[in-house]
Amino acid sequence: MAGKKYRVKKPCPQCGCSHLTPLSEEELKAKHGDVPNVELECHECLMKFEADVDKDLEPEDE
């Protein structure tokens, strides 16, 4: 059984596109560690921005 997946619900502050890469909790921790903010890179304009783990990530419906 796969773990719960999360998606970022914060749009890019520069171009407004959505960052919709779903990640499991294990993938999030492996990639970013156990931190309150994660750094993301927009796939459209390549701007780097931060998302708050508690506010900007939500579990996906299974």
PDB file of N, CA and C in Angstrom:
ATOM      1  N   MET A   1       0.834  -1.179   0.000  1.00  0.00           N
ATOM      2  CA  MET A   1       0.000   0.000   0.000  1.00  0.00           C
ATOM      3  C   MET A   1       0.877   1.239   0.000  1.00  0.00           C
ATOM      4  N   ALA A   2       0.636   2.120  -0.910  1.00  0.00           N
ATOM      5  CA  ALA A   2       1.413   3.354  -1.004  1.00  0.00           C
ATOM      6  C   ALA A   2       0.976   4.312   0.089  1.00  0.00           C
ATOM      7  N   GLY A   3       1.930   5.161   0.530  1.00  0.00           N
ATOM      8  CA  GLY A   3       1.605   6.156   1.544  1.00  0.00           C
ATOM      9  C   GLY A   3       0.739   7.261   0.975  1.00  0.00           C
ATOM     10  N   LYS A   4       0.256   8.095   1.862  1.00  0.00           N
ATOM     11  CA  LYS A   4      -0.582   9.217   1.455  1.00  0.00           C
ATOM     12  C   LYS A   4       0.246  10.193   0.632  1.00  0.00           C
ATOM     13  N   LYS A   5      -0.312  10.683  -0.464  1.00  0.00           N
ATOM     14  CA  LYS A   5       0.365  11.652  -1.323  1.00  0.00           C
ATOM     15  C   LYS A   5      -0.096  13.064  -0.970  1.00  0.00           C
ATOM     16  N   TYR A   6       0.807  14.024  -1.110  1.00  0.00           N
ATOM     17  CA  TYR A   6       0.503  15.426  -0.843  1.00  0.00           C
ATOM     18  C   TYR A   6       0.720  16.238  -2.103  1.00  0.00           C
ATOM     19  N   ARG A   7      -0.038  17.317  -2.230  1.00  0.00           N
ATOM     20  CA  ARG A   7       0.177  18.212  -3.356  1.00  0.00           C
ATOM     21  C   ARG A   7       0.272  19.642  -2.832  1.00  0.00           C
ATOM     22  N   VAL A   8       1.024  20.445  -3.538  1.00  0.00           N
ATOM     23  CA  VAL A   8       1.216  21.840  -3.166  1.00  0.00           C
ATOM     24  C   VAL A   8       0.036  22.633  -3.701  1.00  0.00           C
ATOM     25  N   LYS A   9      -0.570  23.451  -2.854  1.00  0.00           N
ATOM     26  CA  LYS A   9      -1.693  24.259  -3.307  1.00  0.00           C
ATOM     27  C   LYS A   9      -1.336  25.742  -3.352  1.00  0.00           C
ATOM     28  N   LYS A  10      -0.045  26.044  -3.508  1.00  0.00           N
ATOM     29  CA  LYS A  10       0.417  27.424  -3.602  1.00  0.00           C
ATOM     30  C   LYS A  10       0.891  27.670  -5.038  1.00  0.00           C
ATOM     31  N   PRO A  11       0.314  28.646  -5.728  1.00  0.00           N
ATOM     32  CA  PRO A  11       0.764  28.930  -7.097  1.00  0.00           C
ATOM     33  C   PRO A  11       2.099  29.669  -7.097  1.00  0.00           C
ATOM     34  N   CYS A  12       2.773  29.628  -8.209  1.00  0.00           N
ATOM     35  CA  CYS A  12       4.025  30.358  -8.380  1.00  0.00           C
ATOM     36  C   CYS A  12       3.736  31.857  -8.242  1.00  0.00           C
ATOM     37  N   PRO A  13       4.511  32.581  -7.420  1.00  0.00           N
ATOM     38  CA  PRO A  13       4.259  34.007  -7.242  1.00  0.00           C
ATOM     39  C   PRO A  13       4.574  34.849  -8.479  1.00  0.00           C
ATOM     40  N   GLN A  14       5.370  34.322  -9.405  1.00  0.00           N
ATOM     41  CA  GLN A  14       5.738  35.102 -10.593  1.00  0.00           C
ATOM     42  C   GLN A  14       4.763  34.896 -11.749  1.00  0.00           C
ATOM     43  N   CYS A  15       4.490  33.638 -12.114  1.00  0.00           N
ATOM     44  CA  CYS A  15       3.649  33.393 -13.293  1.00  0.00           C
ATOM     45  C   CYS A  15       2.261  32.864 -12.946  1.00  0.00           C
ATOM     46  N   GLY A  16       2.050  32.414 -11.699  1.00  0.00           N
ATOM     47  CA  GLY A  16       0.730  31.978 -11.269  1.00  0.00           C
ATOM     48  C   GLY A  16       0.376  30.540 -11.579  1.00  0.00           C
ATOM     49  N   CYS A  17       1.273  29.792 -12.196  1.00  0.00           N
ATOM     50  CA  CYS A  17       0.943  28.395 -12.494  1.00  0.00           C
ATOM     51  C   CYS A  17       0.958  27.572 -11.211  1.00  0.00           C
ATOM     52  N   SER A  18       0.336  26.417 -11.243  1.00  0.00           N
ATOM     53  CA  SER A  18       0.268  25.540 -10.073  1.00  0.00           C
ATOM     54  C   SER A  18       1.365  24.505 -10.138  1.00  0.00           C
ATOM     55  N   HIS A  19       1.925  24.213  -8.991  1.00  0.00           N
ATOM     56  CA  HIS A  19       2.933  23.156  -8.864  1.00  0.00           C
ATOM     57  C   HIS A  19       2.190  21.927  -8.370  1.00  0.00           C
ATOM     58  N   LEU A  20       1.955  20.955  -9.226  1.00  0.00           N
ATOM     59  CA  LEU A  20       1.073  19.844  -8.880  1.00  0.00           C
ATOM     60  C   LEU A  20       1.761  18.490  -8.795  1.00  0.00           C
ATOM     61  N   THR A  21       3.039  18.459  -8.459  1.00  0.00           N
ATOM     62  CA  THR A  21       3.717  17.186  -8.341  1.00  0.00           C
ATOM     63  C   THR A  21       3.308  16.507  -7.042  1.00  0.00           C
ATOM     64  N   PRO A  22       2.623  15.363  -7.107  1.00  0.00           N
ATOM     65  CA  PRO A  22       2.242  14.678  -5.872  1.00  0.00           C
ATOM     66  C   PRO A  22       3.436  13.934  -5.276  1.00  0.00           C
ATOM     67  N   LEU A  23       3.633  14.080  -3.972  1.00  0.00           N
ATOM     68  CA  LEU A  23       4.722  13.413  -3.272  1.00  0.00           C
ATOM     69  C   LEU A  23       4.170  12.729  -2.029  1.00  0.00           C
ATOM     70  N   SER A  24       4.744  11.579  -1.703  1.00  0.00           N
ATOM     71  CA  SER A  24       4.358  10.921  -0.456  1.00  0.00           C
ATOM     72  C   SER A  24       5.084  11.609   0.701  1.00  0.00           C
ATOM     73  N   GLU A  25       4.652  11.330   1.922  1.00  0.00           N
ATOM     74  CA  GLU A  25       5.309  11.923   3.090  1.00  0.00           C
ATOM     75  C   GLU A  25       6.777  11.499   3.146  1.00  0.00           C
ATOM     76  N   GLU A  26       7.068  10.261   2.785  1.00  0.00           N
ATOM     77  CA  GLU A  26       8.445   9.773   2.779  1.00  0.00           C
ATOM     78  C   GLU A  26       9.277  10.502   1.728  1.00  0.00           C
ATOM     79  N   GLU A  27       8.693  10.725   0.546  1.00  0.00           N
ATOM     80  CA  GLU A  27       9.398  11.451  -0.518  1.00  0.00           C
ATOM     81  C   GLU A  27       9.662  12.900  -0.114  1.00  0.00           C
ATOM     82  N   LEU A  28       8.677  13.530   0.546  1.00  0.00           N
ATOM     83  CA  LEU A  28       8.864  14.903   1.021  1.00  0.00           C
ATOM     84  C   LEU A  28      10.012  14.986   2.016  1.00  0.00           C
ATOM     85  N   LYS A  29      10.032  14.071   2.986  1.00  0.00           N
ATOM     86  CA  LYS A  29      11.084  14.088   4.006  1.00  0.00           C
ATOM     87  C   LYS A  29      12.440  13.745   3.415  1.00  0.00           C
ATOM     88  N   ALA A  30      12.494  12.807   2.460  1.00  0.00           N
ATOM     89  CA  ALA A  30      13.759  12.444   1.832  1.00  0.00           C
ATOM     90  C   ALA A  30      14.315  13.610   1.008  1.00  0.00           C
ATOM     91  N   LYS A  31      13.434  14.317   0.336  1.00  0.00           N
ATOM     92  CA  LYS A  31      13.869  15.410  -0.540  1.00  0.00           C
ATOM     93  C   LYS A  31      14.174  16.686   0.229  1.00  0.00           C
ATOM     94  N   HIS A  32      13.343  17.003   1.247  1.00  0.00           N
ATOM     95  CA  HIS A  32      13.456  18.287   1.930  1.00  0.00           C
ATOM     96  C   HIS A  32      13.819  18.187   3.402  1.00  0.00           C
ATOM     97  N   GLY A  33      13.806  16.982   3.977  1.00  0.00           N
ATOM     98  CA  GLY A  33      14.026  16.835   5.410  1.00  0.00           C
ATOM     99  C   GLY A  33      12.745  17.163   6.171  1.00  0.00           C
ATOM    100  N   ASP A  34      12.847  17.154   7.479  1.00  0.00           N
ATOM    101  CA  ASP A  34      11.677  17.456   8.316  1.00  0.00           C
ATOM    102  C   ASP A  34      11.707  18.941   8.649  1.00  0.00           C
ATOM    103  N   VAL A  35      11.297  19.766   7.690  1.00  0.00           N
ATOM    104  CA  VAL A  35      11.374  21.226   7.827  1.00  0.00           C
ATOM    105  C   VAL A  35       9.978  21.833   7.662  1.00  0.00           C
ATOM    106  N   PRO A  36       9.776  23.043   8.195  1.00  0.00           N
ATOM    107  CA  PRO A  36       8.460  23.678   8.065  1.00  0.00           C
ATOM    108  C   PRO A  36       8.184  24.242   6.678  1.00  0.00           C
ATOM    109  N   ASN A  37       9.226  24.545   5.901  1.00  0.00           N
ATOM    110  CA  ASN A  37       9.070  25.090   4.550  1.00  0.00           C
ATOM    111  C   ASN A  37       9.849  24.240   3.561  1.00  0.00           C
ATOM    112  N   VAL A  38       9.317  24.117   2.356  1.00  0.00           N
ATOM    113  CA  VAL A  38      10.028  23.409   1.292  1.00  0.00           C
ATOM    114  C   VAL A  38      10.275  24.381   0.148  1.00  0.00           C
ATOM    115  N   GLU A  39      11.424  24.242  -0.489  1.00  0.00           N
ATOM    116  CA  GLU A  39      11.747  25.091  -1.626  1.00  0.00           C
ATOM    117  C   GLU A  39      11.318  24.392  -2.901  1.00  0.00           C
ATOM    118  N   LEU A  40      10.570  25.088  -3.726  1.00  0.00           N
ATOM    119  CA  LEU A  40      10.066  24.544  -4.980  1.00  0.00           C
ATOM    120  C   LEU A  40      10.605  25.359  -6.142  1.00  0.00           C
ATOM    121  N   GLU A  41      10.616  24.750  -7.307  1.00  0.00           N
ATOM    122  CA  GLU A  41      11.006  25.462  -8.524  1.00  0.00           C
ATOM    123  C   GLU A  41       9.869  25.332  -9.528  1.00  0.00           C
ATOM    124  N   CYS A  42       9.403  26.467 -10.029  1.00  0.00           N
ATOM    125  CA  CYS A  42       8.316  26.490 -10.997  1.00  0.00           C
ATOM    126  C   CYS A  42       8.761  25.797 -12.276  1.00  0.00           C
ATOM    127  N   HIS A  43       7.920  24.932 -12.806  1.00  0.00           N
ATOM    128  CA  HIS A  43       8.264  24.214 -14.041  1.00  0.00           C
ATOM    129  C   HIS A  43       8.063  25.081 -15.286  1.00  0.00           C
ATOM    130  N   GLU A  44       7.377  26.218 -15.158  1.00  0.00           N
ATOM    131  CA  GLU A  44       7.155  27.113 -16.295  1.00  0.00           C
ATOM    132  C   GLU A  44       8.231  28.198 -16.398  1.00  0.00           C
ATOM    133  N   CYS A  45       8.406  28.986 -15.317  1.00  0.00           N
ATOM    134  CA  CYS A  45       9.324  30.134 -15.376  1.00  0.00           C
ATOM    135  C   CYS A  45      10.622  29.892 -14.613  1.00  0.00           C
ATOM    136  N   LEU A  46      10.754  28.757 -13.931  1.00  0.00           N
ATOM    137  CA  LEU A  46      11.942  28.343 -13.189  1.00  0.00           C
ATOM    138  C   LEU A  46      12.258  29.200 -11.966  1.00  0.00           C
ATOM    139  N   MET A  47      11.285  29.994 -11.504  1.00  0.00           N
ATOM    140  CA  MET A  47      11.478  30.773 -10.282  1.00  0.00           C
ATOM    141  C   MET A  47      11.457  29.833  -9.088  1.00  0.00           C
ATOM    142  N   LYS A  48      12.344  30.065  -8.127  1.00  0.00           N
ATOM    143  CA  LYS A  48      12.349  29.294  -6.894  1.00  0.00           C
ATOM    144  C   LYS A  48      11.530  30.039  -5.851  1.00  0.00           C
ATOM    145  N   PHE A  49      10.681  29.289  -5.122  1.00  0.00           N
ATOM    146  CA  PHE A  49       9.866  29.882  -4.070  1.00  0.00           C
ATOM    147  C   PHE A  49       9.645  28.844  -2.981  1.00  0.00           C
ATOM    148  N   GLU A  50       9.205  29.313  -1.813  1.00  0.00           N
ATOM    149  CA  GLU A  50       8.983  28.416  -0.693  1.00  0.00           C
ATOM    150  C   GLU A  50       7.498  28.186  -0.459  1.00  0.00           C
ATOM    151  N   ALA A  51       7.175  26.990   0.001  1.00  0.00           N
ATOM    152  CA  ALA A  51       5.813  26.642   0.386  1.00  0.00           C
ATOM    153  C   ALA A  51       5.841  26.168   1.827  1.00  0.00           C
ATOM    154  N   ASP A  52       4.885  26.596   2.610  1.00  0.00           N
ATOM    155  CA  ASP A  52       4.756  26.196   4.003  1.00  0.00           C
ATOM    156  C   ASP A  52       4.134  24.803   4.049  1.00  0.00           C
ATOM    157  N   VAL A  53       4.789  23.872   4.715  1.00  0.00           N
ATOM    158  CA  VAL A  53       4.320  22.486   4.749  1.00  0.00           C
ATOM    159  C   VAL A  53       2.925  22.384   5.361  1.00  0.00           C
ATOM    160  N   ASP A  54       2.660  23.138   6.434  1.00  0.00           N
ATOM    161  CA  ASP A  54       1.367  23.038   7.105  1.00  0.00           C
ATOM    162  C   ASP A  54       0.250  23.735   6.341  1.00  0.00           C
ATOM    163  N   LYS A  55       0.534  24.867   5.700  1.00  0.00           N
ATOM    164  CA  LYS A  55      -0.499  25.648   5.025  1.00  0.00           C
ATOM    165  C   LYS A  55      -0.655  25.319   3.544  1.00  0.00           C
ATOM    166  N   ASP A  56       0.457  25.051   2.865  1.00  0.00           N
ATOM    167  CA  ASP A  56       0.445  24.967   1.411  1.00  0.00           C
ATOM    168  C   ASP A  56       0.450  23.548   0.855  1.00  0.00           C
ATOM    169  N   LEU A  57       0.520  22.541   1.715  1.00  0.00           N
ATOM    170  CA  LEU A  57       0.458  21.160   1.246  1.00  0.00           C
ATOM    171  C   LEU A  57      -0.818  20.534   1.772  1.00  0.00           C
ATOM    172  N   GLU A  58      -1.498  19.801   0.926  1.00  0.00           N
ATOM    173  CA  GLU A  58      -2.720  19.122   1.357  1.00  0.00           C
ATOM    174  C   GLU A  58      -2.691  17.686   0.870  1.00  0.00           C
ATOM    175  N   PRO A  59      -3.264  16.776   1.657  1.00  0.00           N
ATOM    176  CA  PRO A  59      -3.316  15.372   1.219  1.00  0.00           C
ATOM    177  C   PRO A  59      -4.227  15.229   0.012  1.00  0.00           C
ATOM    178  N   GLU A  60      -3.853  14.338  -0.907  1.00  0.00           N
ATOM    179  CA  GLU A  60      -4.709  14.046  -2.048  1.00  0.00           C
ATOM    180  C   GLU A  60      -5.758  13.038  -1.637  1.00  0.00           C
ATOM    181  N   ASP A  61      -6.908  13.110  -2.287  1.00  0.00           N
ATOM    182  CA  ASP A  61      -7.946  12.104  -2.074  1.00  0.00           C
ATOM    183  C   ASP A  61      -7.500  10.799  -2.685  1.00  0.00           C
ATOM    184  N   GLU A  62      -7.796   9.719  -1.990  1.00  0.00           N
ATOM    185  CA  GLU A  62      -7.374   8.410  -2.512  1.00  0.00           C
ATOM    186  C   GLU A  62      -8.457   7.782  -3.329  1.00  0.00           C
TER     187      GLU A  62
END
